[in-house]
Amino acid sequence: MKNEDLKDKFSGKFIVLDGPDGCGKSTQAKLLAEWLKKQDVPEVSFRDPGDTAIGEKIRQILLSPEYNAMSTRTELLLYMASRAQLWAEKIAPALKANKCVVLDRWLSSTCAYQGYAGGFGMDKVIKIATDCLERVWPDLTIILDVDLQTASQRLDRQLDRMEQKGDGYHQKVREGFLQLAKQQQNFLLIDATGDIETVNKKVLEIIEKTHKNLSITSLKELEKQAIIEALEKTNGNREKAAKILGIGERTIYRKIKEYNL
């Protein structure tokens, strides 16, 4: 893979890694940014909310357990305010300078947390975003999917206000992300229950396939075909097919349903 080709493909592109708390998105966003830099792709990384003076103040309020009385609507508007500032101050100038922007969370989080788990409605979240943001969706959103047990084992520190919301809420957050991955274009889902190196390999595989001028639709077709081939090799045994593909059994069951296989 030629570095010049990578520069042409990813310069000026907007890539988001997102998913439930404990999915490893911050680590994977950092690893992706480091990989792009090694390939001589001009890149810059941010986190949402945060990375502006205003955004960091909003982040402190959003995540502090001191503000447990905060309503879902207040959360939504604060996240959107921080996002609008991040776009104007950091993301838009970086894209204009033809840098690849790698972001830890974006609108997909607000859809899953406040829209789906919080009950506000994902469509309503997207409508507000359309009115508030100059750009709603990235070029590519990678959703890192992880079950609650695995996620909770990874959160071995003091939890912030959002992380303290309980298993029922976070199960709905996961469901919200899964629904978004089915509905939105340029969204791809990764089983993130593996170790850091395994998940990073999957992220880079997606990036490399995208580099080969494959559309996201084409990538989903490739994923569908890979599942079909794995099922054929195992005479329809889903558990064995999942092992061939390096994904969890729940993931392959969900994918089979999604692709009507």
C-alpha atoms as a PDB file:
ATOM      1  CA  MET A   1       0.000   0.000   0.000  1.00  0.00           C
ATOM      2  CA  LYS A   2       1.521   3.270  -1.131  1.00  0.00           C
ATOM      3  CA  ASN A   3       1.582   6.167   1.317  1.00  0.00           C
ATOM      4  CA  GLU A   4       0.712   8.637  -1.444  1.00  0.00           C
ATOM      5  CA  ASP A   5      -2.429   6.638  -2.221  1.00  0.00           C
ATOM      6  CA  LEU A   6      -3.393   6.749   1.460  1.00  0.00           C
ATOM      7  CA  LYS A   7      -2.887  10.504   1.544  1.00  0.00           C
ATOM      8  CA  ASP A   8      -5.159  10.931  -1.449  1.00  0.00           C
ATOM      9  CA  LYS A   9      -7.822   8.678   0.059  1.00  0.00           C
ATOM     10  CA  PHE A  10      -7.934   9.943   3.635  1.00  0.00           C
ATOM     11  CA  SER A  11      -6.826  13.565   3.480  1.00  0.00           C
ATOM     12  CA  GLY A  12      -9.792  15.739   4.361  1.00  0.00           C
ATOM     13  CA  LYS A  13     -11.840  12.778   5.612  1.00  0.00           C
ATOM     14  CA  PHE A  14     -13.847  12.588   8.839  1.00  0.00           C
ATOM     15  CA  ILE A  15     -13.741   9.247  10.707  1.00  0.00           C
ATOM     16  CA  VAL A  16     -15.547   8.496  13.985  1.00  0.00           C
ATOM     17  CA  LEU A  17     -15.130   5.594  16.395  1.00  0.00           C
ATOM     18  CA  ASP A  18     -18.082   5.151  18.700  1.00  0.00           C
ATOM     19  CA  GLY A  19     -19.887   2.649  20.883  1.00  0.00           C
ATOM     20  CA  PRO A  20     -21.040   1.911  24.436  1.00  0.00           C
ATOM     21  CA  ASP A  21     -18.939   2.747  27.488  1.00  0.00           C
ATOM     22  CA  GLY A  22     -16.196   0.143  27.843  1.00  0.00           C
ATOM     23  CA  CYS A  23     -16.061  -0.725  24.137  1.00  0.00           C
ATOM     24  CA  GLY A  24     -12.490   0.587  23.790  1.00  0.00           C
ATOM     25  CA  LYS A  25     -13.226   3.385  21.317  1.00  0.00           C
ATOM     26  CA  SER A  26     -10.798   5.891  22.881  1.00  0.00           C
ATOM     27  CA  THR A  27      -7.949   3.387  22.686  1.00  0.00           C
ATOM     28  CA  GLN A  28      -8.839   2.397  19.125  1.00  0.00           C
ATOM     29  CA  ALA A  29      -9.181   6.016  18.003  1.00  0.00           C
ATOM     30  CA  LYS A  30      -5.702   6.709  19.368  1.00  0.00           C
ATOM     31  CA  LEU A  31      -4.258   3.612  17.645  1.00  0.00           C
ATOM     32  CA  LEU A  32      -5.900   4.533  14.336  1.00  0.00           C
ATOM     33  CA  ALA A  33      -4.517   8.069  14.534  1.00  0.00           C
ATOM     34  CA  GLU A  34      -1.040   6.697  15.229  1.00  0.00           C
ATOM     35  CA  TRP A  35      -1.307   4.308  12.279  1.00  0.00           C
ATOM     36  CA  LEU A  36      -2.420   7.076   9.908  1.00  0.00           C
ATOM     37  CA  LYS A  37       0.494   9.212  11.077  1.00  0.00           C
ATOM     38  CA  LYS A  38       2.928   6.364  10.334  1.00  0.00           C
ATOM     39  CA  GLN A  39       1.456   6.203   6.822  1.00  0.00           C
ATOM     40  CA  ASP A  40       2.241   9.934   6.418  1.00  0.00           C
ATOM     41  CA  VAL A  41      -1.449  10.835   6.333  1.00  0.00           C
ATOM     42  CA  PRO A  42      -1.950  14.301   7.872  1.00  0.00           C
ATOM     43  CA  GLU A  43      -4.293  13.665  10.776  1.00  0.00           C
ATOM     44  CA  VAL A  44      -5.674  15.225  13.928  1.00  0.00           C
ATOM     45  CA  SER A  45      -7.684  13.650  16.747  1.00  0.00           C
ATOM     46  CA  PHE A  46     -10.381  15.023  19.032  1.00  0.00           C
ATOM     47  CA  ARG A  47     -12.830  13.785  21.631  1.00  0.00           C
ATOM     48  CA  ASP A  48     -16.515  14.673  21.822  1.00  0.00           C
ATOM     49  CA  PRO A  49     -17.477  16.330  24.112  1.00  0.00           C
ATOM     50  CA  GLY A  50     -14.362  18.357  24.806  1.00  0.00           C
ATOM     51  CA  ASP A  51     -11.139  19.553  23.185  1.00  0.00           C
ATOM     52  CA  THR A  52     -12.156  23.218  23.265  1.00  0.00           C
ATOM     53  CA  ALA A  53     -12.181  25.493  26.315  1.00  0.00           C
ATOM     54  CA  ILE A  54     -15.986  25.640  26.178  1.00  0.00           C
ATOM     55  CA  GLY A  55     -16.334  21.945  25.401  1.00  0.00           C
ATOM     56  CA  GLU A  56     -14.181  20.878  28.342  1.00  0.00           C
ATOM     57  CA  LYS A  57     -16.314  22.926  30.740  1.00  0.00           C
ATOM     58  CA  ILE A  58     -19.457  21.319  29.315  1.00  0.00           C
ATOM     59  CA  ARG A  59     -17.828  17.889  29.588  1.00  0.00           C
ATOM     60  CA  GLN A  60     -17.114  18.443  33.281  1.00  0.00           C
ATOM     61  CA  ILE A  61     -20.764  19.285  33.919  1.00  0.00           C
ATOM     62  CA  LEU A  62     -22.077  16.362  31.860  1.00  0.00           C
ATOM     63  CA  LEU A  63     -19.925  13.715  33.510  1.00  0.00           C
ATOM     64  CA  SER A  64     -19.807  14.920  37.106  1.00  0.00           C
ATOM     65  CA  PRO A  65     -21.937  12.827  39.531  1.00  0.00           C
ATOM     66  CA  GLU A  66     -22.660  16.146  41.258  1.00  0.00           C
ATOM     67  CA  TYR A  67     -25.314  16.772  38.567  1.00  0.00           C
ATOM     68  CA  ASN A  68     -27.341  13.566  38.811  1.00  0.00           C
ATOM     69  CA  ALA A  69     -30.566  15.570  38.568  1.00  0.00           C
ATOM     70  CA  MET A  70     -29.783  16.456  34.948  1.00  0.00           C
ATOM     71  CA  SER A  71     -32.596  15.562  32.524  1.00  0.00           C
ATOM     72  CA  THR A  72     -32.158  13.782  29.194  1.00  0.00           C
ATOM     73  CA  ARG A  73     -33.106  16.950  27.289  1.00  0.00           C
ATOM     74  CA  THR A  74     -30.490  18.964  29.151  1.00  0.00           C
ATOM     75  CA  GLU A  75     -27.879  16.304  28.391  1.00  0.00           C
ATOM     76  CA  LEU A  76     -28.812  16.360  24.721  1.00  0.00           C
ATOM     77  CA  LEU A  77     -28.539  20.138  24.392  1.00  0.00           C
ATOM     78  CA  LEU A  78     -25.253  20.306  26.286  1.00  0.00           C
ATOM     79  CA  TYR A  79     -23.704  17.586  24.127  1.00  0.00           C
ATOM     80  CA  MET A  80     -24.921  19.379  21.011  1.00  0.00           C
ATOM     81  CA  ALA A  81     -23.534  22.717  22.218  1.00  0.00           C
ATOM     82  CA  SER A  82     -20.109  21.211  22.860  1.00  0.00           C
ATOM     83  CA  ARG A  83     -20.247  19.500  19.463  1.00  0.00           C
ATOM     84  CA  ALA A  84     -21.126  22.701  17.623  1.00  0.00           C
ATOM     85  CA  GLN A  85     -18.171  24.461  19.240  1.00  0.00           C
ATOM     86  CA  LEU A  86     -15.808  21.588  18.460  1.00  0.00           C
ATOM     87  CA  TRP A  87     -16.885  21.652  14.838  1.00  0.00           C
ATOM     88  CA  ALA A  88     -16.437  25.404  14.441  1.00  0.00           C
ATOM     89  CA  GLU A  89     -13.197  25.681  16.382  1.00  0.00           C
ATOM     90  CA  LYS A  90     -11.339  22.470  15.526  1.00  0.00           C
ATOM     91  CA  ILE A  91     -12.932  20.013  13.090  1.00  0.00           C
ATOM     92  CA  ALA A  92     -13.956  22.345  10.254  1.00  0.00           C
ATOM     93  CA  PRO A  93     -10.537  24.094  10.096  1.00  0.00           C
ATOM     94  CA  ALA A  94      -8.765  20.709  10.133  1.00  0.00           C
ATOM     95  CA  LEU A  95     -10.880  19.350   7.269  1.00  0.00           C
ATOM     96  CA  LYS A  96     -10.387  22.583   5.346  1.00  0.00           C
ATOM     97  CA  ALA A  97      -6.620  22.082   5.788  1.00  0.00           C
ATOM     98  CA  ASN A  98      -7.107  18.628   4.203  1.00  0.00           C
ATOM     99  CA  LYS A  99      -6.311  16.725   7.398  1.00  0.00           C
ATOM    100  CA  CYS A 100      -7.921  13.421   8.299  1.00  0.00           C
ATOM    101  CA  VAL A 101      -9.977  13.942  11.447  1.00  0.00           C
ATOM    102  CA  VAL A 102     -10.299  10.966  13.821  1.00  0.00           C
ATOM    103  CA  LEU A 103     -12.946  11.523  16.455  1.00  0.00           C
ATOM    104  CA  ASP A 104     -13.784   9.717  19.689  1.00  0.00           C
ATOM    105  CA  ARG A 105     -17.635   9.885  19.694  1.00  0.00           C
ATOM    106  CA  TRP A 106     -19.978  12.097  17.677  1.00  0.00           C
ATOM    107  CA  LEU A 107     -23.700  12.427  16.994  1.00  0.00           C
ATOM    108  CA  SER A 108     -24.092   8.635  16.992  1.00  0.00           C
ATOM    109  CA  SER A 109     -23.534   8.697  20.763  1.00  0.00           C
ATOM    110  CA  THR A 110     -26.302  11.208  21.371  1.00  0.00           C
ATOM    111  CA  CYS A 111     -28.640   9.130  19.209  1.00  0.00           C
ATOM    112  CA  ALA A 112     -27.865   5.979  21.223  1.00  0.00           C
ATOM    113  CA  TYR A 113     -27.723   7.516  24.710  1.00  0.00           C
ATOM    114  CA  GLN A 114     -30.220  10.352  24.835  1.00  0.00           C
ATOM    115  CA  GLY A 115     -32.240   9.392  21.767  1.00  0.00           C
ATOM    116  CA  TYR A 116     -32.699   5.660  22.285  1.00  0.00           C
ATOM    117  CA  ALA A 117     -31.802   4.837  25.899  1.00  0.00           C
ATOM    118  CA  GLY A 118     -33.068   8.176  27.206  1.00  0.00           C
ATOM    119  CA  GLY A 119     -36.304   7.906  25.247  1.00  0.00           C
ATOM    120  CA  PHE A 120     -36.066  11.274  23.479  1.00  0.00           C
ATOM    121  CA  GLY A 121     -36.110   9.625  20.039  1.00  0.00           C
ATOM    122  CA  MET A 122     -33.243   9.182  17.587  1.00  0.00           C
ATOM    123  CA  ASP A 123     -35.073  10.914  14.748  1.00  0.00           C
ATOM    124  CA  LYS A 124     -35.640  13.958  16.951  1.00  0.00           C
ATOM    125  CA  VAL A 125     -31.948  14.000  17.908  1.00  0.00           C
ATOM    126  CA  ILE A 126     -30.962  13.945  14.232  1.00  0.00           C
ATOM    127  CA  LYS A 127     -33.406  16.776  13.471  1.00  0.00           C
ATOM    128  CA  ILE A 128     -31.867  18.951  16.194  1.00  0.00           C
ATOM    129  CA  ALA A 129     -28.386  18.079  14.925  1.00  0.00           C
ATOM    130  CA  THR A 130     -29.377  19.057  11.400  1.00  0.00           C
ATOM    131  CA  ASP A 131     -30.425  22.473  12.705  1.00  0.00           C
ATOM    132  CA  CYS A 132     -27.340  22.928  14.920  1.00  0.00           C
ATOM    133  CA  LEU A 133     -24.429  21.385  13.036  1.00  0.00           C
ATOM    134  CA  GLU A 134     -22.919  22.340   9.698  1.00  0.00           C
ATOM    135  CA  ARG A 135     -22.291  18.630   9.093  1.00  0.00           C
ATOM    136  CA  VAL A 136     -24.230  15.827  10.721  1.00  0.00           C
ATOM    137  CA  TRP A 137     -22.520  12.577   9.635  1.00  0.00           C
ATOM    138  CA  PRO A 138     -18.837  11.675   9.109  1.00  0.00           C
ATOM    139  CA  ASP A 139     -17.418   9.934   6.044  1.00  0.00           C
ATOM    140  CA  LEU A 140     -17.156   6.751   8.096  1.00  0.00           C
ATOM    141  CA  THR A 141     -18.447   5.728  11.523  1.00  0.00           C
ATOM    142  CA  ILE A 142     -17.066   2.553  13.098  1.00  0.00           C
ATOM    143  CA  ILE A 143     -19.244   1.220  15.918  1.00  0.00           C
ATOM    144  CA  LEU A 144     -17.417  -0.990  18.423  1.00  0.00           C
ATOM    145  CA  ASP A 145     -19.953  -3.436  19.829  1.00  0.00           C
ATOM    146  CA  VAL A 146     -19.436  -5.039  23.217  1.00  0.00           C
ATOM    147  CA  ASP A 147     -21.692  -6.866  25.684  1.00  0.00           C
ATOM    148  CA  LEU A 148     -22.429  -5.418  29.126  1.00  0.00           C
ATOM    149  CA  GLN A 149     -20.366  -7.975  31.049  1.00  0.00           C
ATOM    150  CA  THR A 150     -17.230  -7.335  29.011  1.00  0.00           C
ATOM    151  CA  ALA A 151     -17.759  -3.576  29.167  1.00  0.00           C
ATOM    152  CA  SER A 152     -18.190  -3.537  32.945  1.00  0.00           C
ATOM    153  CA  GLN A 153     -15.008  -5.584  33.429  1.00  0.00           C
ATOM    154  CA  ARG A 154     -13.070  -2.974  31.459  1.00  0.00           C
ATOM    155  CA  LEU A 155     -14.398  -0.044  33.495  1.00  0.00           C
ATOM    156  CA  ASP A 156     -12.151  -0.729  36.456  1.00  0.00           C
ATOM    157  CA  ARG A 157     -12.082   2.853  37.724  1.00  0.00           C
ATOM    158  CA  GLN A 158     -14.382   5.388  39.337  1.00  0.00           C
ATOM    159  CA  LEU A 159     -17.391   5.765  37.048  1.00  0.00           C
ATOM    160  CA  ASP A 160     -18.614   9.103  35.725  1.00  0.00           C
ATOM    161  CA  ARG A 161     -22.258  10.236  35.842  1.00  0.00           C
ATOM    162  CA  MET A 162     -23.203   8.645  32.512  1.00  0.00           C
ATOM    163  CA  GLU A 163     -21.422   5.376  33.296  1.00  0.00           C
ATOM    164  CA  GLN A 164     -23.310   5.134  36.608  1.00  0.00           C
ATOM    165  CA  LYS A 165     -26.730   4.930  34.931  1.00  0.00           C
ATOM    166  CA  GLY A 166     -27.129   1.162  35.377  1.00  0.00           C
ATOM    167  CA  ASP A 167     -27.282  -1.988  33.268  1.00  0.00           C
ATOM    168  CA  GLY A 168     -30.811  -1.394  31.970  1.00  0.00           C
ATOM    169  CA  TYR A 169     -29.857   1.972  30.529  1.00  0.00           C
ATOM    170  CA  HIS A 170     -26.584   0.734  29.031  1.00  0.00           C
ATOM    171  CA  GLN A 171     -28.268  -2.281  27.431  1.00  0.00           C
ATOM    172  CA  LYS A 172     -30.552   0.170  25.643  1.00  0.00           C
ATOM    173  CA  VAL A 173     -27.507   2.238  24.636  1.00  0.00           C
ATOM    174  CA  ARG A 174     -26.044  -0.847  22.979  1.00  0.00           C
ATOM    175  CA  GLU A 175     -29.348  -1.532  21.220  1.00  0.00           C
ATOM    176  CA  GLY A 176     -29.397   2.051  19.997  1.00  0.00           C
ATOM    177  CA  PHE A 177     -25.947   1.726  18.439  1.00  0.00           C
ATOM    178  CA  LEU A 178     -26.906  -1.568  16.773  1.00  0.00           C
ATOM    179  CA  GLN A 179     -30.018   0.024  15.322  1.00  0.00           C
ATOM    180  CA  LEU A 180     -28.024   2.993  14.006  1.00  0.00           C
ATOM    181  CA  ALA A 181     -25.528   0.663  12.346  1.00  0.00           C
ATOM    182  CA  LYS A 182     -28.397  -0.932  10.418  1.00  0.00           C
ATOM    183  CA  GLN A 183     -30.132   2.308   9.469  1.00  0.00           C
ATOM    184  CA  GLN A 184     -27.373   4.779   8.632  1.00  0.00           C
ATOM    185  CA  GLN A 185     -25.133   4.808   5.592  1.00  0.00           C
ATOM    186  CA  ASN A 186     -21.359   4.732   6.093  1.00  0.00           C
ATOM    187  CA  PHE A 187     -21.700   2.898   9.423  1.00  0.00           C
ATOM    188  CA  LEU A 188     -19.838  -0.345  10.077  1.00  0.00           C
ATOM    189  CA  LEU A 189     -20.036  -2.594  13.121  1.00  0.00           C
ATOM    190  CA  ILE A 190     -17.083  -4.380  14.753  1.00  0.00           C
ATOM    191  CA  ASP A 191     -17.204  -7.049  17.450  1.00  0.00           C
ATOM    192  CA  ALA A 192     -15.038  -5.379  20.107  1.00  0.00           C
ATOM    193  CA  THR A 193     -15.076  -8.148  22.721  1.00  0.00           C
ATOM    194  CA  GLY A 194     -11.541  -9.215  21.790  1.00  0.00           C
ATOM    195  CA  ASP A 195      -8.272  -7.808  23.091  1.00  0.00           C
ATOM    196  CA  ILE A 196      -6.868  -4.453  21.957  1.00  0.00           C
ATOM    197  CA  GLU A 197      -4.680  -5.935  19.210  1.00  0.00           C
ATOM    198  CA  THR A 198      -7.503  -8.049  17.745  1.00  0.00           C
ATOM    199  CA  VAL A 199      -9.935  -5.132  17.609  1.00  0.00           C
ATOM    200  CA  ASN A 200      -7.258  -2.839  16.166  1.00  0.00           C
ATOM    201  CA  LYS A 201      -6.641  -5.357  13.396  1.00  0.00           C
ATOM    202  CA  LYS A 202     -10.350  -5.292  12.518  1.00  0.00           C
ATOM    203  CA  VAL A 203     -10.384  -1.474  12.471  1.00  0.00           C
ATOM    204  CA  LEU A 204      -7.377  -1.343  10.152  1.00  0.00           C
ATOM    205  CA  GLU A 205      -8.923  -3.962   7.871  1.00  0.00           C
ATOM    206  CA  ILE A 206     -11.912  -1.678   7.399  1.00  0.00           C
ATOM    207  CA  ILE A 207      -9.659   1.306   6.759  1.00  0.00           C
ATOM    208  CA  GLU A 208      -7.587  -0.632   4.233  1.00  0.00           C
ATOM    209  CA  LYS A 209     -10.674  -1.900   2.406  1.00  0.00           C
ATOM    210  CA  THR A 210     -12.031   1.632   2.284  1.00  0.00           C
ATOM    211  CA  HIS A 211      -8.654   2.722   0.904  1.00  0.00           C
ATOM    212  CA  LYS A 212      -9.143   0.360  -2.036  1.00  0.00           C
ATOM    213  CA  ASN A 213     -11.996   2.583  -3.242  1.00  0.00           C
ATOM    214  CA  LEU A 214     -14.688   0.279  -1.925  1.00  0.00           C
ATOM    215  CA  SER A 215     -17.846   2.043  -0.861  1.00  0.00           C
ATOM    216  CA  ILE A 216     -19.357   1.280   2.534  1.00  0.00           C
ATOM    217  CA  THR A 217     -22.138  -0.556   0.721  1.00  0.00           C
ATOM    218  CA  SER A 218     -19.477  -2.707  -0.941  1.00  0.00           C
ATOM    219  CA  LEU A 219     -17.903  -3.401   2.438  1.00  0.00           C
ATOM    220  CA  LYS A 220     -21.229  -4.646   3.769  1.00  0.00           C
ATOM    221  CA  GLU A 221     -21.577  -6.869   0.723  1.00  0.00           C
ATOM    222  CA  LEU A 222     -18.100  -8.256   1.455  1.00  0.00           C
ATOM    223  CA  GLU A 223     -19.098  -8.910   5.052  1.00  0.00           C
ATOM    224  CA  LYS A 224     -22.287 -10.671   3.906  1.00  0.00           C
ATOM    225  CA  GLN A 225     -20.334 -12.813   1.454  1.00  0.00           C
ATOM    226  CA  ALA A 226     -17.762 -13.745   4.108  1.00  0.00           C
ATOM    227  CA  ILE A 227     -20.551 -14.934   6.409  1.00  0.00           C
ATOM    228  CA  ILE A 228     -22.136 -16.960   3.604  1.00  0.00           C
ATOM    229  CA  GLU A 229     -18.803 -18.640   2.816  1.00  0.00           C
ATOM    230  CA  ALA A 230     -18.131 -19.400   6.501  1.00  0.00           C
ATOM    231  CA  LEU A 231     -21.587 -20.963   6.861  1.00  0.00           C
ATOM    232  CA  GLU A 232     -21.034 -23.068   3.745  1.00  0.00           C
ATOM    233  CA  LYS A 233     -17.670 -24.303   5.049  1.00  0.00           C
ATOM    234  CA  THR A 234     -19.270 -25.362   8.342  1.00  0.00           C
ATOM    235  CA  ASN A 235     -22.473 -26.798   6.855  1.00  0.00           C
ATOM    236  CA  GLY A 236     -24.494 -24.046   8.489  1.00  0.00           C
ATOM    237  CA  ASN A 237     -22.938 -24.361  11.953  1.00  0.00           C
ATOM    238  CA  ARG A 238     -23.137 -20.792  13.250  1.00  0.00           C
ATOM    239  CA  GLU A 239     -20.800 -21.300  16.194  1.00  0.00           C
ATOM    240  CA  LYS A 240     -18.033 -22.709  13.969  1.00  0.00           C
ATOM    241  CA  ALA A 241     -18.650 -20.022  11.349  1.00  0.00           C
ATOM    242  CA  ALA A 242     -18.253 -17.344  14.023  1.00  0.00           C
ATOM    243  CA  LYS A 243     -14.851 -18.796  14.968  1.00  0.00           C
ATOM    244  CA  ILE A 244     -13.720 -18.725  11.331  1.00  0.00           C
ATOM    245  CA  LEU A 245     -14.735 -15.064  11.071  1.00  0.00           C
ATOM    246  CA  GLY A 246     -13.244 -14.134  14.451  1.00  0.00           C
ATOM    247  CA  ILE A 247     -16.516 -12.765  15.803  1.00  0.00           C
ATOM    248  CA  GLY A 248     -18.755 -13.648  18.724  1.00  0.00           C
ATOM    249  CA  GLU A 249     -21.697 -16.035  18.443  1.00  0.00           C
ATOM    250  CA  ARG A 250     -24.189 -13.286  19.250  1.00  0.00           C
ATOM    251  CA  THR A 251     -22.682 -11.117  16.533  1.00  0.00           C
ATOM    252  CA  ILE A 252     -23.035 -13.768  13.835  1.00  0.00           C
ATOM    253  CA  TYR A 253     -26.635 -14.476  14.879  1.00  0.00           C
ATOM    254  CA  ARG A 254     -27.383 -10.759  14.573  1.00  0.00           C
ATOM    255  CA  LYS A 255     -25.621 -10.493  11.208  1.00  0.00           C
ATOM    256  CA  ILE A 256     -27.474 -13.531   9.831  1.00  0.00           C
ATOM    257  CA  LYS A 257     -30.741 -11.870  10.791  1.00  0.00           C
ATOM    258  CA  GLU A 258     -29.651  -8.493   9.400  1.00  0.00           C
ATOM    259  CA  TYR A 259     -28.708  -9.993   6.016  1.00  0.00           C
ATOM    260  CA  ASN A 260     -31.679 -12.396   5.929  1.00  0.00           C
ATOM    261  CA  LEU A 261     -29.376 -15.414   5.540  1.00  0.00           C
END
